[in-house]
Amino acid sequence: QVQLVESGGGLAQPGGSLRLSCAASGDIFSINAMGWYRQAPGKQRELVATITNGGSTNYADSVKGRFTISRDAAKNPVHLQMNSLKPEDSAVYYCAADSGPRQYWGQGTQVTVSS
């Protein structure tokens, strides 16, 4: 079992920045990759960014050049630096961890971008 706890959400103005963090605990050595997803009201959950144990990253086209996923030297926690925020970035952001055939989710953290 893997437990994920997100932090760092909140309110930002358009053009502003926020940094999300995700701390994993439990069977963390089973994790192959971690990522961030988001879900806005009335929309499906979508991938934002992922990072593998090897350090390879992947981003949704909508956030490329604005968001950066990274992790500490110990590979935990994982961060999502969000710059140049837009109102359409508003959503609940979820941390996810891939562990073999299982995927674990955090409880989500709200990000609201509004003036």
C-alpha atoms as a PDB file:
ATOM      1  CA  GLN A   1       0.000   0.000   0.000  1.00  0.00           C
ATOM      2  CA  VAL A   2       1.075   3.525  -0.822  1.00  0.00           C
ATOM      3  CA  GLN A   3      -0.317   6.659   0.775  1.00  0.00           C
ATOM      4  CA  LEU A   4      -0.074  10.043  -0.930  1.00  0.00           C
ATOM      5  CA  VAL A   5      -0.563  13.441   0.669  1.00  0.00           C
ATOM      6  CA  GLU A   6      -0.712  16.610  -1.429  1.00  0.00           C
ATOM      7  CA  SER A   7      -0.049  20.137  -0.249  1.00  0.00           C
ATOM      8  CA  GLY A   8       0.398  23.600  -1.679  1.00  0.00           C
ATOM      9  CA  GLY A   9      -2.885  24.332  -3.409  1.00  0.00           C
ATOM     10  CA  GLY A  10      -4.729  27.600  -3.022  1.00  0.00           C
ATOM     11  CA  LEU A  11      -5.642  30.801  -4.787  1.00  0.00           C
ATOM     12  CA  ALA A  12      -3.434  32.516  -7.338  1.00  0.00           C
ATOM     13  CA  GLN A  13      -3.921  35.419  -9.703  1.00  0.00           C
ATOM     14  CA  PRO A  14      -3.609  34.940 -13.460  1.00  0.00           C
ATOM     15  CA  GLY A  15       0.068  34.993 -14.321  1.00  0.00           C
ATOM     16  CA  GLY A  16       0.995  33.925 -10.809  1.00  0.00           C
ATOM     17  CA  SER A  17       2.649  30.795  -9.470  1.00  0.00           C
ATOM     18  CA  LEU A  18       1.924  27.943  -7.106  1.00  0.00           C
ATOM     19  CA  ARG A  19       3.951  24.924  -6.061  1.00  0.00           C
ATOM     20  CA  LEU A  20       2.319  21.624  -5.236  1.00  0.00           C
ATOM     21  CA  SER A  21       4.035  18.834  -3.326  1.00  0.00           C
ATOM     22  CA  CYS A  22       3.170  15.172  -2.931  1.00  0.00           C
ATOM     23  CA  ALA A  23       4.659  13.054  -0.170  1.00  0.00           C
ATOM     24  CA  ALA A  24       4.466   9.280  -0.511  1.00  0.00           C
ATOM     25  CA  SER A  25       4.628   6.812   2.351  1.00  0.00           C
ATOM     26  CA  GLY A  26       4.188   3.081   2.788  1.00  0.00           C
ATOM     27  CA  ASP A  27       5.567   0.748   0.114  1.00  0.00           C
ATOM     28  CA  ILE A  28       7.373   3.536  -1.751  1.00  0.00           C
ATOM     29  CA  PHE A  29       9.945   1.154  -3.244  1.00  0.00           C
ATOM     30  CA  SER A  30       7.173  -0.337  -5.374  1.00  0.00           C
ATOM     31  CA  ILE A  31       6.551   3.004  -7.106  1.00  0.00           C
ATOM     32  CA  ASN A  32       7.633   3.161 -10.769  1.00  0.00           C
ATOM     33  CA  ALA A  33       6.403   6.625 -11.607  1.00  0.00           C
ATOM     34  CA  MET A  34       4.493   9.516 -10.084  1.00  0.00           C
ATOM     35  CA  GLY A  35       2.402  12.198 -11.606  1.00  0.00           C
ATOM     36  CA  TRP A  36      -0.149  14.941 -11.289  1.00  0.00           C
ATOM     37  CA  TYR A  37      -3.648  14.918 -12.705  1.00  0.00           C
ATOM     38  CA  ARG A  38      -6.401  17.491 -12.475  1.00  0.00           C
ATOM     39  CA  GLN A  39     -10.164  17.579 -12.697  1.00  0.00           C
ATOM     40  CA  ALA A  40     -12.229  20.677 -13.257  1.00  0.00           C
ATOM     41  CA  PRO A  41     -15.976  20.772 -12.523  1.00  0.00           C
ATOM     42  CA  GLY A  42     -17.922  18.942 -15.205  1.00  0.00           C
ATOM     43  CA  LYS A  43     -14.788  17.652 -16.898  1.00  0.00           C
ATOM     44  CA  GLN A  44     -12.911  14.377 -16.912  1.00  0.00           C
ATOM     45  CA  ARG A  45      -9.733  13.928 -14.948  1.00  0.00           C
ATOM     46  CA  GLU A  46      -6.741  14.672 -17.156  1.00  0.00           C
ATOM     47  CA  LEU A  47      -3.018  14.103 -16.998  1.00  0.00           C
ATOM     48  CA  VAL A  48      -0.885  17.134 -16.167  1.00  0.00           C
ATOM     49  CA  ALA A  49       2.640  15.754 -15.789  1.00  0.00           C
ATOM     50  CA  THR A  50       4.465  12.563 -14.896  1.00  0.00           C
ATOM     51  CA  ILE A  51       7.988  11.620 -13.833  1.00  0.00           C
ATOM     52  CA  THR A  52       9.499   8.143 -13.860  1.00  0.00           C
ATOM     53  CA  ASN A  53      12.040   6.651 -11.496  1.00  0.00           C
ATOM     54  CA  GLY A  54      14.592   7.273 -14.236  1.00  0.00           C
ATOM     55  CA  GLY A  55      13.706  10.952 -14.270  1.00  0.00           C
ATOM     56  CA  SER A  56      11.869  11.029 -17.589  1.00  0.00           C
ATOM     57  CA  THR A  57       9.084  13.574 -17.665  1.00  0.00           C
ATOM     58  CA  ASN A  58       5.924  13.988 -19.689  1.00  0.00           C
ATOM     59  CA  TYR A  59       3.570  16.976 -19.853  1.00  0.00           C
ATOM     60  CA  ALA A  60       0.159  17.770 -21.208  1.00  0.00           C
ATOM     61  CA  ASP A  61       0.404  20.155 -24.147  1.00  0.00           C
ATOM     62  CA  SER A  62      -1.642  22.715 -22.243  1.00  0.00           C
ATOM     63  CA  VAL A  63       1.000  23.085 -19.513  1.00  0.00           C
ATOM     64  CA  LYS A  64       4.258  22.648 -21.437  1.00  0.00           C
ATOM     65  CA  GLY A  65       6.634  25.512 -20.791  1.00  0.00           C
ATOM     66  CA  ARG A  66       4.651  26.663 -17.744  1.00  0.00           C
ATOM     67  CA  PHE A  67       4.647  23.693 -15.349  1.00  0.00           C
ATOM     68  CA  THR A  68       7.617  21.674 -14.138  1.00  0.00           C
ATOM     69  CA  ILE A  69       7.494  18.351 -12.338  1.00  0.00           C
ATOM     70  CA  SER A  70      10.458  17.454 -10.166  1.00  0.00           C
ATOM     71  CA  ARG A  71      11.423  15.441  -7.152  1.00  0.00           C
ATOM     72  CA  ASP A  72      13.915  15.618  -4.328  1.00  0.00           C
ATOM     73  CA  ALA A  73      17.133  13.584  -4.447  1.00  0.00           C
ATOM     74  CA  ALA A  74      15.435  10.824  -2.466  1.00  0.00           C
ATOM     75  CA  LYS A  75      12.704  10.741  -5.165  1.00  0.00           C
ATOM     76  CA  ASN A  76      10.170  11.784  -2.556  1.00  0.00           C
ATOM     77  CA  PRO A  77       8.348  14.161  -2.396  1.00  0.00           C
ATOM     78  CA  VAL A  78       7.400  15.093  -5.929  1.00  0.00           C
ATOM     79  CA  HIS A  79       6.707  18.715  -6.772  1.00  0.00           C
ATOM     80  CA  LEU A  80       4.738  20.529  -9.443  1.00  0.00           C
ATOM     81  CA  GLN A  81       5.883  24.100 -10.030  1.00  0.00           C
ATOM     82  CA  MET A  82       3.131  25.980 -11.811  1.00  0.00           C
ATOM     83  CA  ASN A  83       4.003  29.316 -13.398  1.00  0.00           C
ATOM     84  CA  SER A  84       2.078  31.685 -15.636  1.00  0.00           C
ATOM     85  CA  LEU A  85      -1.159  30.316 -14.282  1.00  0.00           C
ATOM     86  CA  LYS A  86      -4.356  30.764 -16.244  1.00  0.00           C
ATOM     87  CA  PRO A  87      -7.976  30.640 -15.082  1.00  0.00           C
ATOM     88  CA  GLU A  88      -8.380  27.399 -17.048  1.00  0.00           C
ATOM     89  CA  ASP A  89      -5.789  25.794 -14.766  1.00  0.00           C
ATOM     90  CA  SER A  90      -8.332  25.923 -11.947  1.00  0.00           C
ATOM     91  CA  ALA A  91      -9.131  22.389 -10.827  1.00  0.00           C
ATOM     92  CA  VAL A  92      -8.606  19.842  -8.114  1.00  0.00           C
ATOM     93  CA  TYR A  93      -5.088  18.498  -8.558  1.00  0.00           C
ATOM     94  CA  TYR A  94      -4.417  14.880  -7.659  1.00  0.00           C
ATOM     95  CA  CYS A  95      -1.101  13.166  -7.063  1.00  0.00           C
ATOM     96  CA  ALA A  96      -0.836   9.636  -8.426  1.00  0.00           C
ATOM     97  CA  ALA A  97       1.688   6.838  -8.039  1.00  0.00           C
ATOM     98  CA  ASP A  98       2.090   3.849 -10.345  1.00  0.00           C
ATOM     99  CA  SER A  99       3.075   0.710  -8.459  1.00  0.00           C
ATOM    100  CA  GLY A 100       3.091  -2.304 -10.738  1.00  0.00           C
ATOM    101  CA  PRO A 101      -0.511  -3.043 -11.691  1.00  0.00           C
ATOM    102  CA  ARG A 102      -1.888  -0.642  -9.105  1.00  0.00           C
ATOM    103  CA  GLN A 103      -2.313   3.100  -9.158  1.00  0.00           C
ATOM    104  CA  TYR A 104      -2.691   5.085  -5.985  1.00  0.00           C
ATOM    105  CA  TRP A 105      -4.272   8.522  -5.599  1.00  0.00           C
ATOM    106  CA  GLY A 106      -4.022  11.343  -3.141  1.00  0.00           C
ATOM    107  CA  GLN A 107      -7.041  13.167  -1.766  1.00  0.00           C
ATOM    108  CA  GLY A 108      -6.585  16.146  -4.069  1.00  0.00           C
ATOM    109  CA  THR A 109      -5.811  19.802  -3.518  1.00  0.00           C
ATOM    110  CA  GLN A 110      -7.783  22.715  -4.936  1.00  0.00           C
ATOM    111  CA  VAL A 111      -6.092  25.217  -7.228  1.00  0.00           C
ATOM    112  CA  THR A 112      -8.054  28.328  -8.130  1.00  0.00           C
ATOM    113  CA  VAL A 113      -6.737  30.929 -10.537  1.00  0.00           C
ATOM    114  CA  SER A 114      -8.765  34.102 -10.410  1.00  0.00           C
ATOM    115  CA  SER A 115      -8.351  37.849 -10.172  1.00  0.00           C
END
